[in-house]
Amino acid sequence: MSTENIDSRPLSESEAEAEARRIIEGLWQSEPVATSTSFRDATPNPPYGTTPPVHQDDRRIVPAWAAGVAVASIGVGAGITGIGCGIWLACQGFAAVTLTSVLFVTLPIAAVATVVVAVGSAIRGVKAANSETHHHYAGPVHQENNTQVANHGKWFGRSSTTVNH
């Protein structure tokens, strides 16, 4: 704590004591400053244009078939693990079971399950590809369909963006 005043002369003992008392009393006697913690603007939002709101379709990032394949893959993996553990326990008393022998027994089962899931996904994809969408308009309509394809090095190296107006 500096004992100098604005004129850069040292404070006397009584001046320093009076200044310290003033600072301490100021700390204890200060009133809290009223501060607003929230604000709600009651004015309505301004409208933009005269067009009524349009229904926006729900677009998911992950297609339903992909989520189904993921869930099926988790189920197949859990099932194969259980089958492998069961085979390992059954063979435990008959021979010296190694990881390699357990893998040779369980890998064909996992391969068959994977092929079944892949075929089921392909069949579901073919069925879903035949769906048609019909739009009925009353009045003149201008419809644009823009597709942009970009090649890049991330993930599988290709992306496609379709914008319908």
C-alpha atoms as a PDB file:
ATOM      1  CA  MET A   1       0.000   0.000   0.000  1.00  0.00           C
ATOM      2  CA  SER A   2       1.416   3.329  -1.035  1.00  0.00           C
ATOM      3  CA  THR A   3       1.607   6.101   1.525  1.00  0.00           C
ATOM      4  CA  GLU A   4       1.915   8.831  -1.096  1.00  0.00           C
ATOM      5  CA  ASN A   5      -0.827  11.205  -2.188  1.00  0.00           C
ATOM      6  CA  ILE A   6      -1.458  12.726  -5.624  1.00  0.00           C
ATOM      7  CA  ASP A   7       1.173  15.430  -5.068  1.00  0.00           C
ATOM      8  CA  SER A   8       3.750  12.597  -4.554  1.00  0.00           C
ATOM      9  CA  ARG A   9       4.592  13.617  -1.080  1.00  0.00           C
ATOM     10  CA  PRO A  10       4.478  11.027   1.694  1.00  0.00           C
ATOM     11  CA  LEU A  11       1.345  11.086   3.859  1.00  0.00           C
ATOM     12  CA  SER A  12       1.726  11.872   7.482  1.00  0.00           C
ATOM     13  CA  GLU A  13       0.761   9.220   9.999  1.00  0.00           C
ATOM     14  CA  SER A  14      -2.596  10.884  10.734  1.00  0.00           C
ATOM     15  CA  GLU A  15      -3.373  11.423   7.008  1.00  0.00           C
ATOM     16  CA  ALA A  16      -2.566   7.772   6.213  1.00  0.00           C
ATOM     17  CA  GLU A  17      -4.787   6.604   9.082  1.00  0.00           C
ATOM     18  CA  ALA A  18      -7.661   8.863   7.923  1.00  0.00           C
ATOM     19  CA  GLU A  19      -7.309   7.626   4.316  1.00  0.00           C
ATOM     20  CA  ALA A  20      -7.302   3.975   5.454  1.00  0.00           C
ATOM     21  CA  ARG A  21     -10.401   4.573   7.609  1.00  0.00           C
ATOM     22  CA  ARG A  22     -12.168   6.248   4.643  1.00  0.00           C
ATOM     23  CA  ILE A  23     -11.388   3.309   2.335  1.00  0.00           C
ATOM     24  CA  ILE A  24     -12.479   0.685   4.883  1.00  0.00           C
ATOM     25  CA  GLU A  25     -15.714   2.517   5.731  1.00  0.00           C
ATOM     26  CA  GLY A  26     -16.418   2.932   2.028  1.00  0.00           C
ATOM     27  CA  LEU A  27     -16.156  -0.833   1.553  1.00  0.00           C
ATOM     28  CA  TRP A  28     -18.641  -1.598   4.321  1.00  0.00           C
ATOM     29  CA  GLN A  29     -21.124   1.151   3.533  1.00  0.00           C
ATOM     30  CA  SER A  30     -21.388   0.805  -0.227  1.00  0.00           C
ATOM     31  CA  GLU A  31     -24.906   0.132  -1.515  1.00  0.00           C
ATOM     32  CA  PRO A  32     -25.250  -2.675  -4.045  1.00  0.00           C
ATOM     33  CA  VAL A  33     -25.816  -1.392  -7.544  1.00  0.00           C
ATOM     34  CA  ALA A  34     -29.117  -2.530  -9.053  1.00  0.00           C
ATOM     35  CA  THR A  35     -28.381  -4.669 -12.101  1.00  0.00           C
ATOM     36  CA  SER A  36     -31.002  -6.172 -14.356  1.00  0.00           C
ATOM     37  CA  THR A  37     -30.613  -9.929 -14.722  1.00  0.00           C
ATOM     38  CA  SER A  38     -33.000 -10.446 -17.630  1.00  0.00           C
ATOM     39  CA  PHE A  39     -34.901  -8.476 -20.238  1.00  0.00           C
ATOM     40  CA  ARG A  40     -37.899  -9.430 -22.346  1.00  0.00           C
ATOM     41  CA  ASP A  41     -38.809  -7.288 -25.309  1.00  0.00           C
ATOM     42  CA  ALA A  42     -42.606  -7.289 -25.583  1.00  0.00           C
ATOM     43  CA  THR A  43     -42.738  -5.763 -29.060  1.00  0.00           C
ATOM     44  CA  PRO A  44     -43.892  -8.256 -31.721  1.00  0.00           C
ATOM     45  CA  ASN A  45     -41.453  -9.456 -34.354  1.00  0.00           C
ATOM     46  CA  PRO A  46     -41.774  -7.598 -37.638  1.00  0.00           C
ATOM     47  CA  PRO A  47     -43.221  -9.647 -40.508  1.00  0.00           C
ATOM     48  CA  TYR A  48     -41.108 -10.176 -43.602  1.00  0.00           C
ATOM     49  CA  GLY A  49     -43.088 -10.385 -46.825  1.00  0.00           C
ATOM     50  CA  THR A  50     -46.645 -11.506 -47.407  1.00  0.00           C
ATOM     51  CA  THR A  51     -46.003 -15.203 -48.092  1.00  0.00           C
ATOM     52  CA  PRO A  52     -47.553 -17.564 -45.542  1.00  0.00           C
ATOM     53  CA  PRO A  53     -45.297 -20.088 -43.793  1.00  0.00           C
ATOM     54  CA  VAL A  54     -44.496 -23.258 -45.741  1.00  0.00           C
ATOM     55  CA  HIS A  55     -44.347 -26.726 -44.202  1.00  0.00           C
ATOM     56  CA  GLN A  56     -40.730 -27.895 -43.960  1.00  0.00           C
ATOM     57  CA  ASP A  57     -40.220 -31.630 -44.325  1.00  0.00           C
ATOM     58  CA  ASP A  58     -38.370 -33.382 -41.530  1.00  0.00           C
ATOM     59  CA  ARG A  59     -34.952 -34.260 -42.960  1.00  0.00           C
ATOM     60  CA  ARG A  60     -32.843 -36.610 -40.897  1.00  0.00           C
ATOM     61  CA  ILE A  61     -29.092 -36.748 -41.284  1.00  0.00           C
ATOM     62  CA  VAL A  62     -29.004 -40.547 -40.996  1.00  0.00           C
ATOM     63  CA  PRO A  63     -31.446 -42.414 -43.268  1.00  0.00           C
ATOM     64  CA  ALA A  64     -33.773 -44.897 -41.584  1.00  0.00           C
ATOM     65  CA  TRP A  65     -32.257 -47.852 -43.442  1.00  0.00           C
ATOM     66  CA  ALA A  66     -28.763 -46.914 -42.208  1.00  0.00           C
ATOM     67  CA  ALA A  67     -29.968 -46.731 -38.611  1.00  0.00           C
ATOM     68  CA  GLY A  68     -31.645 -50.125 -39.063  1.00  0.00           C
ATOM     69  CA  VAL A  69     -28.453 -51.656 -40.423  1.00  0.00           C
ATOM     70  CA  ALA A  70     -26.486 -50.204 -37.497  1.00  0.00           C
ATOM     71  CA  VAL A  71     -28.898 -51.659 -34.942  1.00  0.00           C
ATOM     72  CA  ALA A  72     -28.907 -55.017 -36.747  1.00  0.00           C
ATOM     73  CA  SER A  73     -25.100 -55.019 -36.811  1.00  0.00           C
ATOM     74  CA  ILE A  74     -24.964 -54.424 -33.069  1.00  0.00           C
ATOM     75  CA  GLY A  75     -27.429 -57.265 -32.537  1.00  0.00           C
ATOM     76  CA  VAL A  76     -25.476 -59.606 -34.805  1.00  0.00           C
ATOM     77  CA  GLY A  77     -22.245 -58.709 -33.024  1.00  0.00           C
ATOM     78  CA  ALA A  78     -23.762 -59.355 -29.598  1.00  0.00           C
ATOM     79  CA  GLY A  79     -25.285 -62.630 -30.799  1.00  0.00           C
ATOM     80  CA  ILE A  80     -22.060 -63.847 -32.346  1.00  0.00           C
ATOM     81  CA  THR A  81     -20.194 -63.000 -29.158  1.00  0.00           C
ATOM     82  CA  GLY A  82     -22.650 -65.080 -27.142  1.00  0.00           C
ATOM     83  CA  ILE A  83     -22.442 -67.988 -29.584  1.00  0.00           C
ATOM     84  CA  GLY A  84     -18.658 -67.820 -29.559  1.00  0.00           C
ATOM     85  CA  CYS A  85     -18.550 -67.842 -25.760  1.00  0.00           C
ATOM     86  CA  GLY A  86     -20.950 -70.792 -25.690  1.00  0.00           C
ATOM     87  CA  ILE A  87     -18.841 -72.756 -28.158  1.00  0.00           C
ATOM     88  CA  TRP A  88     -15.724 -71.897 -26.205  1.00  0.00           C
ATOM     89  CA  LEU A  89     -17.292 -73.106 -22.953  1.00  0.00           C
ATOM     90  CA  ALA A  90     -18.537 -76.297 -24.626  1.00  0.00           C
ATOM     91  CA  CYS A  91     -15.115 -77.035 -26.073  1.00  0.00           C
ATOM     92  CA  GLN A  92     -13.276 -76.144 -22.876  1.00  0.00           C
ATOM     93  CA  GLY A  93     -13.442 -79.683 -21.533  1.00  0.00           C
ATOM     94  CA  PHE A  94     -12.642 -81.425 -24.822  1.00  0.00           C
ATOM     95  CA  ALA A  95      -9.458 -79.737 -26.017  1.00  0.00           C
ATOM     96  CA  ALA A  96      -7.068 -76.894 -25.413  1.00  0.00           C
ATOM     97  CA  VAL A  97      -9.089 -74.067 -26.941  1.00  0.00           C
ATOM     98  CA  THR A  98      -7.093 -71.196 -28.384  1.00  0.00           C
ATOM     99  CA  LEU A  99      -8.278 -67.874 -29.693  1.00  0.00           C
ATOM    100  CA  THR A 100      -7.511 -69.025 -33.217  1.00  0.00           C
ATOM    101  CA  SER A 101      -9.751 -72.078 -32.920  1.00  0.00           C
ATOM    102  CA  VAL A 102     -12.607 -70.008 -31.486  1.00  0.00           C
ATOM    103  CA  LEU A 103     -12.256 -67.524 -34.351  1.00  0.00           C
ATOM    104  CA  PHE A 104     -12.301 -70.349 -36.913  1.00  0.00           C
ATOM    105  CA  VAL A 105     -15.587 -71.556 -35.418  1.00  0.00           C
ATOM    106  CA  THR A 106     -17.302 -68.166 -35.017  1.00  0.00           C
ATOM    107  CA  LEU A 107     -16.145 -66.311 -38.135  1.00  0.00           C
ATOM    108  CA  PRO A 108     -18.284 -68.341 -40.576  1.00  0.00           C
ATOM    109  CA  ILE A 109     -21.356 -67.687 -38.425  1.00  0.00           C
ATOM    110  CA  ALA A 110     -20.576 -63.956 -38.355  1.00  0.00           C
ATOM    111  CA  ALA A 111     -20.015 -63.953 -42.127  1.00  0.00           C
ATOM    112  CA  VAL A 112     -23.405 -65.569 -42.773  1.00  0.00           C
ATOM    113  CA  ALA A 113     -25.123 -63.083 -40.461  1.00  0.00           C
ATOM    114  CA  THR A 114     -23.395 -60.161 -42.204  1.00  0.00           C
ATOM    115  CA  VAL A 115     -24.482 -61.411 -45.629  1.00  0.00           C
ATOM    116  CA  VAL A 116     -28.080 -61.778 -44.386  1.00  0.00           C
ATOM    117  CA  VAL A 117     -28.082 -58.183 -43.098  1.00  0.00           C
ATOM    118  CA  ALA A 118     -26.548 -56.880 -46.349  1.00  0.00           C
ATOM    119  CA  VAL A 119     -29.087 -58.706 -48.530  1.00  0.00           C
ATOM    120  CA  GLY A 120     -31.961 -57.467 -46.369  1.00  0.00           C
ATOM    121  CA  SER A 121     -30.695 -53.883 -46.622  1.00  0.00           C
ATOM    122  CA  ALA A 122     -30.330 -54.163 -50.398  1.00  0.00           C
ATOM    123  CA  ILE A 123     -33.869 -55.522 -50.786  1.00  0.00           C
ATOM    124  CA  ARG A 124     -35.268 -52.748 -48.592  1.00  0.00           C
ATOM    125  CA  GLY A 125     -33.289 -50.163 -50.600  1.00  0.00           C
ATOM    126  CA  VAL A 126     -34.698 -51.460 -53.896  1.00  0.00           C
ATOM    127  CA  LYS A 127     -38.237 -51.302 -52.518  1.00  0.00           C
ATOM    128  CA  ALA A 128     -37.705 -47.742 -51.250  1.00  0.00           C
ATOM    129  CA  ALA A 129     -36.172 -46.573 -54.561  1.00  0.00           C
ATOM    130  CA  ASN A 130     -39.445 -47.103 -56.440  1.00  0.00           C
ATOM    131  CA  SER A 131     -41.409 -44.527 -54.448  1.00  0.00           C
ATOM    132  CA  GLU A 132     -42.852 -41.591 -56.379  1.00  0.00           C
ATOM    133  CA  THR A 133     -43.848 -38.186 -55.088  1.00  0.00           C
ATOM    134  CA  HIS A 134     -46.649 -36.241 -56.758  1.00  0.00           C
ATOM    135  CA  HIS A 135     -47.173 -32.531 -56.152  1.00  0.00           C
ATOM    136  CA  HIS A 136     -50.431 -30.847 -57.132  1.00  0.00           C
ATOM    137  CA  TYR A 137     -50.363 -27.085 -57.605  1.00  0.00           C
ATOM    138  CA  ALA A 138     -53.142 -24.618 -58.373  1.00  0.00           C
ATOM    139  CA  GLY A 139     -51.600 -21.883 -60.520  1.00  0.00           C
ATOM    140  CA  PRO A 140     -48.388 -21.217 -62.428  1.00  0.00           C
ATOM    141  CA  VAL A 141     -45.346 -22.963 -60.956  1.00  0.00           C
ATOM    142  CA  HIS A 142     -41.627 -22.586 -61.650  1.00  0.00           C
ATOM    143  CA  GLN A 143     -39.619 -25.551 -60.406  1.00  0.00           C
ATOM    144  CA  GLU A 144     -35.821 -25.760 -60.411  1.00  0.00           C
ATOM    145  CA  ASN A 145     -33.685 -28.760 -59.581  1.00  0.00           C
ATOM    146  CA  ASN A 146     -29.967 -28.043 -59.106  1.00  0.00           C
ATOM    147  CA  THR A 147     -27.492 -30.812 -58.301  1.00  0.00           C
ATOM    148  CA  GLN A 148     -23.888 -30.003 -57.466  1.00  0.00           C
ATOM    149  CA  VAL A 149     -21.316 -32.791 -57.228  1.00  0.00           C
ATOM    150  CA  ALA A 150     -17.964 -32.070 -55.609  1.00  0.00           C
ATOM    151  CA  ASN A 151     -14.974 -34.399 -55.391  1.00  0.00           C
ATOM    152  CA  HIS A 152     -12.828 -34.167 -52.291  1.00  0.00           C
ATOM    153  CA  GLY A 153     -10.408 -36.369 -50.393  1.00  0.00           C
ATOM    154  CA  LYS A 154     -12.398 -36.763 -47.177  1.00  0.00           C
ATOM    155  CA  TRP A 155     -14.165 -40.045 -46.306  1.00  0.00           C
ATOM    156  CA  PHE A 156     -15.315 -41.602 -49.582  1.00  0.00           C
ATOM    157  CA  GLY A 157     -14.245 -38.688 -51.769  1.00  0.00           C
ATOM    158  CA  ARG A 158     -17.542 -37.479 -53.232  1.00  0.00           C
ATOM    159  CA  SER A 159     -20.453 -35.367 -52.062  1.00  0.00           C
ATOM    160  CA  SER A 160     -23.682 -34.362 -53.733  1.00  0.00           C
ATOM    161  CA  THR A 161     -25.983 -31.468 -52.888  1.00  0.00           C
ATOM    162  CA  THR A 162     -29.428 -31.165 -54.449  1.00  0.00           C
ATOM    163  CA  VAL A 163     -31.399 -27.939 -54.078  1.00  0.00           C
ATOM    164  CA  ASN A 164     -35.060 -27.936 -55.114  1.00  0.00           C
ATOM    165  CA  HIS A 165     -36.739 -24.571 -55.630  1.00  0.00           C
END
